[in-house]
Amino acid sequence: MNNLYAAAVVTMFGLVDVIEGKWLTAEVTLPSGQVEEMELITTKVCMTKDIGVHGNLFGGKMLAWLDEAGAAYACQLAHSTKMVTRHISEVEFSKPVREGRIVKIYGQAIHYGKTSIKIHMEARAHNPHSGEQKIVCSTDMVFVRIDDDGDALPLEFTIKDKTNGTK
């Protein structure tokens, strides 16, 4: 990733952890036992305005954070600013997030279609004292590349060539 893109992400989407123009990564163990690296897309702080009636992060706010981060990541992968959300799979809210907690959102492209990218997303509560992270929410999201009229456009070959169409 070049630094120009990193500056655009910071301007458009808020706080992002970027070191020397590279996204930070974290390892995740898939159900198959395979270890994959996920890329850190953004970091958020759970603030008073984000809290629901039960004293935890409002689920709708978490979904908005995931959608925004996933769209930014899809744009990066597709080399396009015209990626839109097509589908969000089952969302699992596994742990509550309390006010003042740091939430790091990670993504990993898991499939490239003709016009779309499927991304596995995870939100993790981050403890700045220990460095420990716990998954608080996860889902798979599909983003589609579109033209000015909202019609689907094929992804560029350079993207699919990297993975032979799937990942």
Foldseek 3Di string as FASTA:
>chain_A
DDVVLVVVCCVPPNAADADPNDFDWDWDQDPVRDIDIWTWQGKDAAAPVQADPVQFGDPVVVVVSQQVSVLSVQCVLLVHNAKHWDDKPDKDQADTHHHGWMKIKIWDFFFAAQFKTKIKIWIWTADPVVRDTDTRMIIITMIGGADPVRHGDGGDPVSCVVPVGGD
